[in-house]
Amino acid sequence: MSINVNNVKSLFELFSGEDANSEWTPVIVMAVLEVRNMLLPDADDTDTRLEFLAAAVANYRTQEIKLSSGKREYEYVGQMDSGGARTSLAGAETLMREYVQLCRDLIKADTFVFETIPTKEG
């Protein structure tokens, strides 16, 4: 047994507020594969933390797509983020980084490449 895709879908819905059985399904599947590819050789691929990481990766990729296509803002813990799509992406990135850190004993170091998107302030 490995990463449970149904659990990842449920977590994705929690993180993103989007329906996991929609146009976002390929993004979720890609995120699961991305997490599987970053596993250390001796990592336990049934560790629940990996499901959270895969959902956070899918959420991050979803926010990237929304930002590039101008779709509606990301909801985090049920509240609309007033800072706009860039802040939404930053929130999704923070969440993903937290799960990367939580899974650091299961995944290869320096697996992700993060690009900071400049804001109006900086």
PDB file of N, CA and C in Angstrom:
ATOM      1  N   MET A   1       0.843  -1.189   0.000  1.00  0.00           N
ATOM      2  CA  MET A   1       0.000   0.000   0.000  1.00  0.00           C
ATOM      3  C   MET A   1       0.879   1.241   0.000  1.00  0.00           C
ATOM      4  N   SER A   2       0.405   2.310  -0.620  1.00  0.00           N
ATOM      5  CA  SER A   2       1.178   3.543  -0.657  1.00  0.00           C
ATOM      6  C   SER A   2       0.260   4.725  -0.341  1.00  0.00           C
ATOM      7  N   ILE A   3       0.609   5.885  -0.823  1.00  0.00           N
ATOM      8  CA  ILE A   3      -0.173   7.084  -0.548  1.00  0.00           C
ATOM      9  C   ILE A   3      -1.619   6.870  -1.007  1.00  0.00           C
ATOM     10  N   ASN A   4      -2.555   7.099  -0.118  1.00  0.00           N
ATOM     11  CA  ASN A   4      -3.970   6.898  -0.409  1.00  0.00           C
ATOM     12  C   ASN A   4      -4.520   8.138  -1.122  1.00  0.00           C
ATOM     13  N   VAL A   5      -4.822   7.994  -2.395  1.00  0.00           N
ATOM     14  CA  VAL A   5      -5.274   9.120  -3.215  1.00  0.00           C
ATOM     15  C   VAL A   5      -6.613   9.673  -2.716  1.00  0.00           C
ATOM     16  N   ASN A   6      -7.494   8.823  -2.235  1.00  0.00           N
ATOM     17  CA  ASN A   6      -8.780   9.310  -1.720  1.00  0.00           C
ATOM     18  C   ASN A   6      -8.581  10.197  -0.495  1.00  0.00           C
ATOM     19  N   ASN A   7      -7.644   9.824   0.370  1.00  0.00           N
ATOM     20  CA  ASN A   7      -7.340  10.680   1.519  1.00  0.00           C
ATOM     21  C   ASN A   7      -6.746  12.002   1.060  1.00  0.00           C
ATOM     22  N   VAL A   8      -5.882  11.945   0.051  1.00  0.00           N
ATOM     23  CA  VAL A   8      -5.280  13.168  -0.494  1.00  0.00           C
ATOM     24  C   VAL A   8      -6.375  14.074  -1.052  1.00  0.00           C
ATOM     25  N   LYS A   9      -7.348  13.494  -1.746  1.00  0.00           N
ATOM     26  CA  LYS A   9      -8.449  14.286  -2.300  1.00  0.00           C
ATOM     27  C   LYS A   9      -9.239  14.984  -1.195  1.00  0.00           C
ATOM     28  N   SER A  10      -9.521  14.271  -0.121  1.00  0.00           N
ATOM     29  CA  SER A  10     -10.254  14.873   0.998  1.00  0.00           C
ATOM     30  C   SER A  10      -9.467  16.027   1.613  1.00  0.00           C
ATOM     31  N   LEU A  11      -8.182  15.815   1.796  1.00  0.00           N
ATOM     32  CA  LEU A  11      -7.331  16.874   2.354  1.00  0.00           C
ATOM     33  C   LEU A  11      -7.217  18.058   1.395  1.00  0.00           C
ATOM     34  N   PHE A  12      -7.125  17.773   0.101  1.00  0.00           N
ATOM     35  CA  PHE A  12      -7.084  18.833  -0.906  1.00  0.00           C
ATOM     36  C   PHE A  12      -8.335  19.703  -0.798  1.00  0.00           C
ATOM     37  N   GLU A  13      -9.484  19.086  -0.664  1.00  0.00           N
ATOM     38  CA  GLU A  13     -10.727  19.840  -0.525  1.00  0.00           C
ATOM     39  C   GLU A  13     -10.702  20.719   0.720  1.00  0.00           C
ATOM     40  N   LEU A  14     -10.155  20.195   1.799  1.00  0.00           N
ATOM     41  CA  LEU A  14     -10.026  20.959   3.034  1.00  0.00           C
ATOM     42  C   LEU A  14      -9.100  22.164   2.838  1.00  0.00           C
ATOM     43  N   PHE A  15      -7.961  21.944   2.217  1.00  0.00           N
ATOM     44  CA  PHE A  15      -6.965  22.999   2.022  1.00  0.00           C
ATOM     45  C   PHE A  15      -7.418  24.051   1.011  1.00  0.00           C
ATOM     46  N   SER A  16      -8.018  23.611  -0.086  1.00  0.00           N
ATOM     47  CA  SER A  16      -8.291  24.521  -1.200  1.00  0.00           C
ATOM     48  C   SER A  16      -9.725  25.021  -1.278  1.00  0.00           C
ATOM     49  N   GLY A  17     -10.649  24.256  -0.727  1.00  0.00           N
ATOM     50  CA  GLY A  17     -12.054  24.593  -0.884  1.00  0.00           C
ATOM     51  C   GLY A  17     -12.610  24.191  -2.239  1.00  0.00           C
ATOM     52  N   GLU A  18     -11.805  23.502  -3.026  1.00  0.00           N
ATOM     53  CA  GLU A  18     -12.206  23.069  -4.369  1.00  0.00           C
ATOM     54  C   GLU A  18     -12.671  21.615  -4.339  1.00  0.00           C
ATOM     55  N   ASP A  19     -13.504  21.261  -5.304  1.00  0.00           N
ATOM     56  CA  ASP A  19     -13.971  19.884  -5.463  1.00  0.00           C
ATOM     57  C   ASP A  19     -12.840  19.041  -6.053  1.00  0.00           C
ATOM     58  N   ALA A  20     -12.458  17.999  -5.347  1.00  0.00           N
ATOM     59  CA  ALA A  20     -11.355  17.143  -5.787  1.00  0.00           C
ATOM     60  C   ALA A  20     -11.735  16.277  -6.986  1.00  0.00           C
ATOM     61  N   ASN A  21     -13.009  16.083  -7.219  1.00  0.00           N
ATOM     62  CA  ASN A  21     -13.466  15.275  -8.359  1.00  0.00           C
ATOM     63  C   ASN A  21     -13.935  16.201  -9.474  1.00  0.00           C
ATOM     64  N   SER A  22     -13.051  17.074  -9.871  1.00  0.00           N
ATOM     65  CA  SER A  22     -13.372  18.060 -10.900  1.00  0.00           C
ATOM     66  C   SER A  22     -12.160  18.231 -11.801  1.00  0.00           C
ATOM     67  N   GLU A  23     -12.029  19.431 -12.356  1.00  0.00           N
ATOM     68  CA  GLU A  23     -10.871  19.697 -13.213  1.00  0.00           C
ATOM     69  C   GLU A  23      -9.559  19.637 -12.454  1.00  0.00           C
ATOM     70  N   TRP A  24      -9.620  19.590 -11.129  1.00  0.00           N
ATOM     71  CA  TRP A  24      -8.404  19.553 -10.304  1.00  0.00           C
ATOM     72  C   TRP A  24      -7.880  18.139 -10.087  1.00  0.00           C
ATOM     73  N   THR A  25      -8.610  17.115 -10.501  1.00  0.00           N
ATOM     74  CA  THR A  25      -8.159  15.737 -10.312  1.00  0.00           C
ATOM     75  C   THR A  25      -6.780  15.470 -10.909  1.00  0.00           C
ATOM     76  N   PRO A  26      -6.483  15.903 -12.135  1.00  0.00           N
ATOM     77  CA  PRO A  26      -5.134  15.660 -12.663  1.00  0.00           C
ATOM     78  C   PRO A  26      -4.033  16.341 -11.842  1.00  0.00           C
ATOM     79  N   VAL A  27      -4.343  17.492 -11.267  1.00  0.00           N
ATOM     80  CA  VAL A  27      -3.370  18.190 -10.421  1.00  0.00           C
ATOM     81  C   VAL A  27      -3.080  17.367  -9.164  1.00  0.00           C
ATOM     82  N   ILE A  28      -4.123  16.771  -8.608  1.00  0.00           N
ATOM     83  CA  ILE A  28      -3.969  15.936  -7.411  1.00  0.00           C
ATOM     84  C   ILE A  28      -3.137  14.697  -7.734  1.00  0.00           C
ATOM     85  N   VAL A  29      -3.448  14.046  -8.834  1.00  0.00           N
ATOM     86  CA  VAL A  29      -2.700  12.848  -9.241  1.00  0.00           C
ATOM     87  C   VAL A  29      -1.231  13.200  -9.474  1.00  0.00           C
ATOM     88  N   MET A  30      -0.985  14.330 -10.135  1.00  0.00           N
ATOM     89  CA  MET A  30       0.385  14.766 -10.378  1.00  0.00           C
ATOM     90  C   MET A  30       1.121  15.033  -9.056  1.00  0.00           C
ATOM     91  N   ALA A  31       0.431  15.624  -8.089  1.00  0.00           N
ATOM     92  CA  ALA A  31       1.048  15.907  -6.793  1.00  0.00           C
ATOM     93  C   ALA A  31       1.413  14.615  -6.058  1.00  0.00           C
ATOM     94  N   VAL A  32       0.548  13.621  -6.137  1.00  0.00           N
ATOM     95  CA  VAL A  32       0.846  12.320  -5.510  1.00  0.00           C
ATOM     96  C   VAL A  32       2.096  11.719  -6.147  1.00  0.00           C
ATOM     97  N   LEU A  33       2.183  11.767  -7.464  1.00  0.00           N
ATOM     98  CA  LEU A  33       3.367  11.253  -8.160  1.00  0.00           C
ATOM     99  C   LEU A  33       4.613  12.049  -7.805  1.00  0.00           C
ATOM    100  N   GLU A  34       4.452  13.354  -7.680  1.00  0.00           N
ATOM    101  CA  GLU A  34       5.579  14.212  -7.303  1.00  0.00           C
ATOM    102  C   GLU A  34       6.112  13.826  -5.921  1.00  0.00           C
ATOM    103  N   VAL A  35       5.214  13.591  -4.979  1.00  0.00           N
ATOM    104  CA  VAL A  35       5.628  13.191  -3.627  1.00  0.00           C
ATOM    105  C   VAL A  35       6.270  11.806  -3.653  1.00  0.00           C
ATOM    106  N   ARG A  36       5.697  10.887  -4.404  1.00  0.00           N
ATOM    107  CA  ARG A  36       6.296   9.541  -4.510  1.00  0.00           C
ATOM    108  C   ARG A  36       7.716   9.617  -5.057  1.00  0.00           C
ATOM    109  N   ASN A  37       7.934  10.492  -6.029  1.00  0.00           N
ATOM    110  CA  ASN A  37       9.256  10.614  -6.653  1.00  0.00           C
ATOM    111  C   ASN A  37      10.300  11.246  -5.734  1.00  0.00           C
ATOM    112  N   MET A  38       9.862  11.939  -4.711  1.00  0.00           N
ATOM    113  CA  MET A  38      10.824  12.572  -3.811  1.00  0.00           C
ATOM    114  C   MET A  38      11.132  11.732  -2.577  1.00  0.00           C
ATOM    115  N   LEU A  39      10.514  10.562  -2.463  1.00  0.00           N
ATOM    116  CA  LEU A  39      10.724   9.714  -1.290  1.00  0.00           C
ATOM    117  C   LEU A  39      12.154   9.173  -1.229  1.00  0.00           C
ATOM    118  N   LEU A  40      12.668   9.101  -0.024  1.00  0.00           N
ATOM    119  CA  LEU A  40      13.946   8.431   0.193  1.00  0.00           C
ATOM    120  C   LEU A  40      13.748   6.939  -0.038  1.00  0.00           C
ATOM    121  N   PRO A  41      14.790   6.215  -0.441  1.00  0.00           N
ATOM    122  CA  PRO A  41      14.648   4.783  -0.743  1.00  0.00           C
ATOM    123  C   PRO A  41      14.056   3.954   0.401  1.00  0.00           C
ATOM    124  N   ASP A  42      14.381   4.286   1.636  1.00  0.00           N
ATOM    125  CA  ASP A  42      13.900   3.495   2.776  1.00  0.00           C
ATOM    126  C   ASP A  42      12.674   4.114   3.454  1.00  0.00           C
ATOM    127  N   ALA A  43      12.060   5.127   2.833  1.00  0.00           N
ATOM    128  CA  ALA A  43      10.907   5.798   3.440  1.00  0.00           C
ATOM    129  C   ALA A  43       9.673   4.900   3.412  1.00  0.00           C
ATOM    130  N   ASP A  44       8.863   5.020   4.454  1.00  0.00           N
ATOM    131  CA  ASP A  44       7.595   4.290   4.543  1.00  0.00           C
ATOM    132  C   ASP A  44       6.551   5.068   3.745  1.00  0.00           C
ATOM    133  N   ASP A  45       6.167   4.558   2.583  1.00  0.00           N
ATOM    134  CA  ASP A  45       5.239   5.292   1.731  1.00  0.00           C
ATOM    135  C   ASP A  45       3.791   5.226   2.218  1.00  0.00           C
ATOM    136  N   THR A  46       3.541   4.569   3.347  1.00  0.00           N
ATOM    137  CA  THR A  46       2.207   4.558   3.940  1.00  0.00           C
ATOM    138  C   THR A  46       2.077   5.587   5.062  1.00  0.00           C
ATOM    139  N   ASP A  47       3.130   6.331   5.328  1.00  0.00           N
ATOM    140  CA  ASP A  47       3.104   7.354   6.378  1.00  0.00           C
ATOM    141  C   ASP A  47       2.064   8.412   6.026  1.00  0.00           C
ATOM    142  N   THR A  48       1.139   8.666   6.926  1.00  0.00           N
ATOM    143  CA  THR A  48       0.037   9.600   6.700  1.00  0.00           C
ATOM    144  C   THR A  48       0.517  11.005   6.375  1.00  0.00           C
ATOM    145  N   ARG A  49       1.664  11.386   6.878  1.00  0.00           N
ATOM    146  CA  ARG A  49       2.189  12.724   6.604  1.00  0.00           C
ATOM    147  C   ARG A  49       2.344  12.958   5.102  1.00  0.00           C
ATOM    148  N   LEU A  50       2.620  11.906   4.349  1.00  0.00           N
ATOM    149  CA  LEU A  50       2.799  12.044   2.905  1.00  0.00           C
ATOM    150  C   LEU A  50       1.490  12.420   2.204  1.00  0.00           C
ATOM    151  N   GLU A  51       0.370  11.967   2.748  1.00  0.00           N
ATOM    152  CA  GLU A  51      -0.923  12.346   2.193  1.00  0.00           C
ATOM    153  C   GLU A  51      -1.159  13.842   2.383  1.00  0.00           C
ATOM    154  N   PHE A  52      -0.802  14.351   3.558  1.00  0.00           N
ATOM    155  CA  PHE A  52      -0.926  15.787   3.817  1.00  0.00           C
ATOM    156  C   PHE A  52       0.003  16.571   2.894  1.00  0.00           C
ATOM    157  N   LEU A  53       1.217  16.079   2.705  1.00  0.00           N
ATOM    158  CA  LEU A  53       2.157  16.742   1.815  1.00  0.00           C
ATOM    159  C   LEU A  53       1.634  16.756   0.384  1.00  0.00           C
ATOM    160  N   ALA A  54       1.134  15.637  -0.094  1.00  0.00           N
ATOM    161  CA  ALA A  54       0.608  15.569  -1.460  1.00  0.00           C
ATOM    162  C   ALA A  54      -0.570  16.532  -1.640  1.00  0.00           C
ATOM    163  N   ALA A  55      -1.437  16.613  -0.646  1.00  0.00           N
ATOM    164  CA  ALA A  55      -2.568  17.537  -0.727  1.00  0.00           C
ATOM    165  C   ALA A  55      -2.083  18.991  -0.717  1.00  0.00           C
ATOM    166  N   ALA A  56      -1.073  19.274   0.080  1.00  0.00           N
ATOM    167  CA  ALA A  56      -0.514  20.637   0.121  1.00  0.00           C
ATOM    168  C   ALA A  56       0.160  20.984  -1.206  1.00  0.00           C
ATOM    169  N   VAL A  57       0.843  20.023  -1.813  1.00  0.00           N
ATOM    170  CA  VAL A  57       1.462  20.244  -3.131  1.00  0.00           C
ATOM    171  C   VAL A  57       0.368  20.497  -4.172  1.00  0.00           C
ATOM    172  N   ALA A  58      -0.684  19.686  -4.151  1.00  0.00           N
ATOM    173  CA  ALA A  58      -1.788  19.870  -5.098  1.00  0.00           C
ATOM    174  C   ALA A  58      -2.446  21.236  -4.909  1.00  0.00           C
ATOM    175  N   ASN A  59      -2.611  21.638  -3.669  1.00  0.00           N
ATOM    176  CA  ASN A  59      -3.184  22.941  -3.371  1.00  0.00           C
ATOM    177  C   ASN A  59      -2.282  24.054  -3.911  1.00  0.00           C
ATOM    178  N   TYR A  60      -0.990  23.925  -3.701  1.00  0.00           N
ATOM    179  CA  TYR A  60      -0.036  24.925  -4.198  1.00  0.00           C
ATOM    180  C   TYR A  60      -0.096  25.010  -5.720  1.00  0.00           C
ATOM    181  N   ARG A  61      -0.076  23.868  -6.386  1.00  0.00           N
ATOM    182  CA  ARG A  61      -0.140  23.855  -7.849  1.00  0.00           C
ATOM    183  C   ARG A  61      -1.464  24.465  -8.335  1.00  0.00           C
ATOM    184  N   THR A  62      -2.544  24.199  -7.614  1.00  0.00           N
ATOM    185  CA  THR A  62      -3.839  24.771  -7.951  1.00  0.00           C
ATOM    186  C   THR A  62      -3.796  26.288  -7.860  1.00  0.00           C
ATOM    187  N   GLN A  63      -3.179  26.800  -6.800  1.00  0.00           N
ATOM    188  CA  GLN A  63      -3.083  28.258  -6.634  1.00  0.00           C
ATOM    189  C   GLN A  63      -2.210  28.879  -7.719  1.00  0.00           C
ATOM    190  N   GLU A  64      -1.153  28.168  -8.144  1.00  0.00           N
ATOM    191  CA  GLU A  64      -0.329  28.650  -9.253  1.00  0.00           C
ATOM    192  C   GLU A  64      -1.174  28.778 -10.525  1.00  0.00           C
ATOM    193  N   ILE A  65      -1.976  27.761 -10.782  1.00  0.00           N
ATOM    194  CA  ILE A  65      -2.822  27.751 -11.980  1.00  0.00           C
ATOM    195  C   ILE A  65      -3.851  28.877 -11.901  1.00  0.00           C
ATOM    196  N   LYS A  66      -4.466  29.038 -10.747  1.00  0.00           N
ATOM    197  CA  LYS A  66      -5.460  30.094 -10.578  1.00  0.00           C
ATOM    198  C   LYS A  66      -4.840  31.472 -10.778  1.00  0.00           C
ATOM    199  N   LEU A  67      -3.650  31.657 -10.256  1.00  0.00           N
ATOM    200  CA  LEU A  67      -2.974  32.945 -10.403  1.00  0.00           C
ATOM    201  C   LEU A  67      -2.692  33.233 -11.871  1.00  0.00           C
ATOM    202  N   SER A  68      -2.241  32.220 -12.583  1.00  0.00           N
ATOM    203  CA  SER A  68      -1.909  32.429 -13.996  1.00  0.00           C
ATOM    204  C   SER A  68      -3.149  32.596 -14.873  1.00  0.00           C
ATOM    205  N   SER A  69      -4.280  32.036 -14.417  1.00  0.00           N
ATOM    206  CA  SER A  69      -5.500  32.136 -15.227  1.00  0.00           C
ATOM    207  C   SER A  69      -6.493  33.152 -14.683  1.00  0.00           C
ATOM    208  N   GLY A  70      -6.161  33.772 -13.551  1.00  0.00           N
ATOM    209  CA  GLY A  70      -7.035  34.795 -12.993  1.00  0.00           C
ATOM    210  C   GLY A  70      -8.293  34.276 -12.340  1.00  0.00           C
ATOM    211  N   LYS A  71      -8.293  33.006 -11.887  1.00  0.00           N
ATOM    212  CA  LYS A  71      -9.481  32.452 -11.226  1.00  0.00           C
ATOM    213  C   LYS A  71      -9.636  33.046  -9.820  1.00  0.00           C
ATOM    214  N   ARG A  72     -10.756  32.733  -9.180  1.00  0.00           N
ATOM    215  CA  ARG A  72     -11.091  33.340  -7.887  1.00  0.00           C
ATOM    216  C   ARG A  72     -10.067  33.040  -6.806  1.00  0.00           C
ATOM    217  N   GLU A  73     -10.120  33.828  -5.762  1.00  0.00           N
ATOM    218  CA  GLU A  73      -9.152  33.736  -4.684  1.00  0.00           C
ATOM    219  C   GLU A  73      -9.290  32.450  -3.884  1.00  0.00           C
ATOM    220  N   TYR A  74      -8.234  32.113  -3.199  1.00  0.00           N
ATOM    221  CA  TYR A  74      -8.102  30.927  -2.362  1.00  0.00           C
ATOM    222  C   TYR A  74      -8.706  31.173  -1.000  1.00  0.00           C
ATOM    223  N   GLU A  75      -9.483  30.236  -0.496  1.00  0.00           N
ATOM    224  CA  GLU A  75     -10.027  30.348   0.844  1.00  0.00           C
ATOM    225  C   GLU A  75      -9.174  29.532   1.795  1.00  0.00           C
ATOM    226  N   TYR A  76      -8.759  30.142   2.870  1.00  0.00           N
ATOM    227  CA  TYR A  76      -7.929  29.458   3.865  1.00  0.00           C
ATOM    228  C   TYR A  76      -8.680  29.479   5.176  1.00  0.00           C
ATOM    229  N   VAL A  77      -8.988  28.335   5.725  1.00  0.00           N
ATOM    230  CA  VAL A  77      -9.741  28.176   6.955  1.00  0.00           C
ATOM    231  C   VAL A  77     -11.064  28.946   6.877  1.00  0.00           C
ATOM    232  N   GLY A  78     -11.704  28.870   5.725  1.00  0.00           N
ATOM    233  CA  GLY A  78     -13.026  29.427   5.580  1.00  0.00           C
ATOM    234  C   GLY A  78     -13.110  30.927   5.413  1.00  0.00           C
ATOM    235  N   GLN A  79     -11.999  31.637   5.321  1.00  0.00           N
ATOM    236  CA  GLN A  79     -12.043  33.082   5.165  1.00  0.00           C
ATOM    237  C   GLN A  79     -11.384  33.483   3.853  1.00  0.00           C
ATOM    238  N   MET A  80     -12.025  34.401   3.164  1.00  0.00           N
ATOM    239  CA  MET A  80     -11.458  34.879   1.915  1.00  0.00           C
ATOM    240  C   MET A  80     -10.274  35.776   2.228  1.00  0.00           C
ATOM    241  N   ASP A  81      -9.202  35.527   1.557  1.00  0.00           N
ATOM    242  CA  ASP A  81      -7.986  36.301   1.751  1.00  0.00           C
ATOM    243  C   ASP A  81      -8.121  37.615   0.999  1.00  0.00           C
ATOM    244  N   SER A  82      -8.060  38.725   1.718  1.00  0.00           N
ATOM    245  CA  SER A  82      -8.267  40.029   1.097  1.00  0.00           C
ATOM    246  C   SER A  82      -7.048  40.512   0.320  1.00  0.00           C
ATOM    247  N   GLY A  83      -5.902  39.856   0.469  1.00  0.00           N
ATOM    248  CA  GLY A  83      -4.687  40.287  -0.205  1.00  0.00           C
ATOM    249  C   GLY A  83      -4.606  39.879  -1.655  1.00  0.00           C
ATOM    250  N   GLY A  84      -5.528  39.123  -2.158  1.00  0.00           N
ATOM    251  CA  GLY A  84      -5.545  38.759  -3.559  1.00  0.00           C
ATOM    252  C   GLY A  84      -4.868  37.440  -3.850  1.00  0.00           C
ATOM    253  N   ALA A  85      -4.762  37.150  -5.143  1.00  0.00           N
ATOM    254  CA  ALA A  85      -4.261  35.851  -5.595  1.00  0.00           C
ATOM    255  C   ALA A  85      -2.808  35.617  -5.218  1.00  0.00           C
ATOM    256  N   ARG A  86      -1.988  36.662  -5.214  1.00  0.00           N
ATOM    257  CA  ARG A  86      -0.578  36.484  -4.847  1.00  0.00           C
ATOM    258  C   ARG A  86      -0.445  36.068  -3.382  1.00  0.00           C
ATOM    259  N   THR A  87      -1.261  36.650  -2.528  1.00  0.00           N
ATOM    260  CA  THR A  87      -1.254  36.268  -1.121  1.00  0.00           C
ATOM    261  C   THR A  87      -1.779  34.852  -0.963  1.00  0.00           C
ATOM    262  N   SER A  88      -2.738  34.481  -1.797  1.00  0.00           N
ATOM    263  CA  SER A  88      -3.274  33.119  -1.771  1.00  0.00           C
ATOM    264  C   SER A  88      -2.188  32.109  -2.098  1.00  0.00           C
ATOM    265  N   LEU A  89      -1.408  32.425  -3.110  1.00  0.00           N
ATOM    266  CA  LEU A  89      -0.311  31.535  -3.481  1.00  0.00           C
ATOM    267  C   LEU A  89       0.715  31.468  -2.356  1.00  0.00           C
ATOM    268  N   ALA A  90       0.998  32.606  -1.740  1.00  0.00           N
ATOM    269  CA  ALA A  90       1.956  32.637  -0.629  1.00  0.00           C
ATOM    270  C   ALA A  90       1.451  31.793   0.544  1.00  0.00           C
ATOM    271  N   GLY A  91       0.153  31.851   0.812  1.00  0.00           N
ATOM    272  CA  GLY A  91      -0.424  31.037   1.877  1.00  0.00           C
ATOM    273  C   GLY A  91      -0.321  29.553   1.573  1.00  0.00           C
ATOM    274  N   ALA A  92      -0.581  29.195   0.325  1.00  0.00           N
ATOM    275  CA  ALA A  92      -0.471  27.796  -0.092  1.00  0.00           C
ATOM    276  C   ALA A  92       0.980  27.340  -0.021  1.00  0.00           C
ATOM    277  N   GLU A  93       1.907  28.231  -0.373  1.00  0.00           N
ATOM    278  CA  GLU A  93       3.325  27.882  -0.302  1.00  0.00           C
ATOM    279  C   GLU A  93       3.760  27.672   1.145  1.00  0.00           C
ATOM    280  N   THR A  94       3.298  28.522   2.040  1.00  0.00           N
ATOM    281  CA  THR A  94       3.631  28.370   3.462  1.00  0.00           C
ATOM    282  C   THR A  94       3.137  27.035   3.988  1.00  0.00           C
ATOM    283  N   LEU A  95       1.909  26.691   3.643  1.00  0.00           N
ATOM    284  CA  LEU A  95       1.339  25.412   4.067  1.00  0.00           C
ATOM    285  C   LEU A  95       2.167  24.252   3.527  1.00  0.00           C
ATOM    286  N   MET A  96       2.530  24.322   2.254  1.00  0.00           N
ATOM    287  CA  MET A  96       3.312  23.257   1.648  1.00  0.00           C
ATOM    288  C   MET A  96       4.687  23.154   2.307  1.00  0.00           C
ATOM    289  N   ARG A  97       5.325  24.278   2.555  1.00  0.00           N
ATOM    290  CA  ARG A  97       6.642  24.261   3.207  1.00  0.00           C
ATOM    291  C   ARG A  97       6.575  23.614   4.592  1.00  0.00           C
ATOM    292  N   GLU A  98       5.482  23.876   5.301  1.00  0.00           N
ATOM    293  CA  GLU A  98       5.314  23.275   6.634  1.00  0.00           C
ATOM    294  C   GLU A  98       5.233  21.752   6.531  1.00  0.00           C
ATOM    295  N   TYR A  99       4.525  21.256   5.524  1.00  0.00           N
ATOM    296  CA  TYR A  99       4.443  19.802   5.350  1.00  0.00           C
ATOM    297  C   TYR A  99       5.742  19.212   4.815  1.00  0.00           C
ATOM    298  N   VAL A 100       6.455  19.956   3.995  1.00  0.00           N
ATOM    299  CA  VAL A 100       7.784  19.507   3.562  1.00  0.00           C
ATOM    300  C   VAL A 100       8.666  19.340   4.792  1.00  0.00           C
ATOM    301  N   GLN A 101       8.623  20.316   5.683  1.00  0.00           N
ATOM    302  CA  GLN A 101       9.432  20.251   6.913  1.00  0.00           C
ATOM    303  C   GLN A 101       9.002  19.070   7.780  1.00  0.00           C
ATOM    304  N   LEU A 102       7.717  18.845   7.866  1.00  0.00           N
ATOM    305  CA  LEU A 102       7.188  17.735   8.666  1.00  0.00           C
ATOM    306  C   LEU A 102       7.635  16.382   8.113  1.00  0.00           C
ATOM    307  N   CYS A 103       7.832  16.314   6.801  1.00  0.00           N
ATOM    308  CA  CYS A 103       8.208  15.060   6.130  1.00  0.00           C
ATOM    309  C   CYS A 103       9.700  14.974   5.832  1.00  0.00           C
ATOM    310  N   ARG A 104      10.505  15.828   6.414  1.00  0.00           N
ATOM    311  CA  ARG A 104      11.926  15.906   6.061  1.00  0.00           C
ATOM    312  C   ARG A 104      12.679  14.598   6.265  1.00  0.00           C
ATOM    313  N   ASP A 105      12.190  13.712   7.144  1.00  0.00           N
ATOM    314  CA  ASP A 105      12.850  12.429   7.338  1.00  0.00           C
ATOM    315  C   ASP A 105      12.410  11.380   6.306  1.00  0.00           C
ATOM    316  N   LEU A 106      11.450  11.740   5.438  1.00  0.00           N
ATOM    317  CA  LEU A 106      10.926  10.807   4.441  1.00  0.00           C
ATOM    318  C   LEU A 106      11.301  11.183   3.010  1.00  0.00           C
ATOM    319  N   ILE A 107      11.654  12.443   2.794  1.00  0.00           N
ATOM    320  CA  ILE A 107      11.889  12.917   1.427  1.00  0.00           C
ATOM    321  C   ILE A 107      13.307  13.427   1.244  1.00  0.00           C
ATOM    322  N   LYS A 108      13.722  13.486  -0.013  1.00  0.00           N
ATOM    323  CA  LYS A 108      15.046  13.985  -0.361  1.00  0.00           C
ATOM    324  C   LYS A 108      15.122  15.482  -0.085  1.00  0.00           C
ATOM    325  N   ALA A 109      16.281  15.916   0.381  1.00  0.00           N
ATOM    326  CA  ALA A 109      16.490  17.343   0.622  1.00  0.00           C
ATOM    327  C   ALA A 109      16.480  18.090  -0.697  1.00  0.00           C
ATOM    328  N   ASP A 110      16.077  19.334  -0.657  1.00  0.00           N
ATOM    329  CA  ASP A 110      16.085  20.218  -1.834  1.00  0.00           C
ATOM    330  C   ASP A 110      15.293  19.651  -3.000  1.00  0.00           C
ATOM    331  N   THR A 111      14.145  19.073  -2.696  1.00  0.00           N
ATOM    332  CA  THR A 111      13.306  18.480  -3.733  1.00  0.00           C
ATOM    333  C   THR A 111      12.513  19.541  -4.483  1.00  0.00           C
ATOM    334  N   PHE A 112      12.071  20.562  -3.775  1.00  0.00           N
ATOM    335  CA  PHE A 112      11.239  21.597  -4.375  1.00  0.00           C
ATOM    336  C   PHE A 112      12.074  22.802  -4.757  1.00  0.00           C
ATOM    337  N   VAL A 113      11.659  23.446  -5.818  1.00  0.00           N
ATOM    338  CA  VAL A 113      12.223  24.739  -6.191  1.00  0.00           C
ATOM    339  C   VAL A 113      11.110  25.745  -5.986  1.00  0.00           C
ATOM    340  N   PHE A 114      11.351  26.707  -5.094  1.00  0.00           N
ATOM    341  CA  PHE A 114      10.355  27.733  -4.822  1.00  0.00           C
ATOM    342  C   PHE A 114      10.781  29.030  -5.485  1.00  0.00           C
ATOM    343  N   GLU A 115       9.833  29.685  -6.100  1.00  0.00           N
ATOM    344  CA  GLU A 115      10.096  30.987  -6.688  1.00  0.00           C
ATOM    345  C   GLU A 115       9.237  31.993  -5.956  1.00  0.00           C
ATOM    346  N   THR A 116       9.853  33.033  -5.460  1.00  0.00           N
ATOM    347  CA  THR A 116       9.114  34.063  -4.759  1.00  0.00           C
ATOM    348  C   THR A 116       8.547  35.028  -5.778  1.00  0.00           C
ATOM    349  N   ILE A 117       7.273  35.302  -5.633  1.00  0.00           N
ATOM    350  CA  ILE A 117       6.611  36.258  -6.516  1.00  0.00           C
ATOM    351  C   ILE A 117       6.623  37.598  -5.814  1.00  0.00           C
ATOM    352  N   PRO A 118       7.246  38.606  -6.435  1.00  0.00           N
ATOM    353  CA  PRO A 118       7.305  39.912  -5.776  1.00  0.00           C
ATOM    354  C   PRO A 118       5.921  40.511  -5.598  1.00  0.00           C
ATOM    355  N   THR A 119       5.757  41.242  -4.503  1.00  0.00           N
ATOM    356  CA  THR A 119       4.507  41.933  -4.236  1.00  0.00           C
ATOM    357  C   THR A 119       4.711  43.408  -4.511  1.00  0.00           C
ATOM    358  N   LYS A 120       3.630  44.168  -4.439  1.00  0.00           N
ATOM    359  CA  LYS A 120       3.724  45.602  -4.644  1.00  0.00           C
ATOM    360  C   LYS A 120       4.623  46.263  -3.608  1.00  0.00           C
ATOM    361  N   GLU A 121       4.609  45.713  -2.386  1.00  0.00           N
ATOM    362  CA  GLU A 121       5.409  46.275  -1.303  1.00  0.00           C
ATOM    363  C   GLU A 121       6.891  46.029  -1.516  1.00  0.00           C
ATOM    364  N   GLY A 122       7.256  44.918  -2.163  1.00  0.00           N
ATOM    365  CA  GLY A 122       8.668  44.600  -2.254  1.00  0.00           C
ATOM    366  C   GLY A 122       9.028  44.176  -3.589  1.00  0.00           C
TER     367      GLY A 122
END
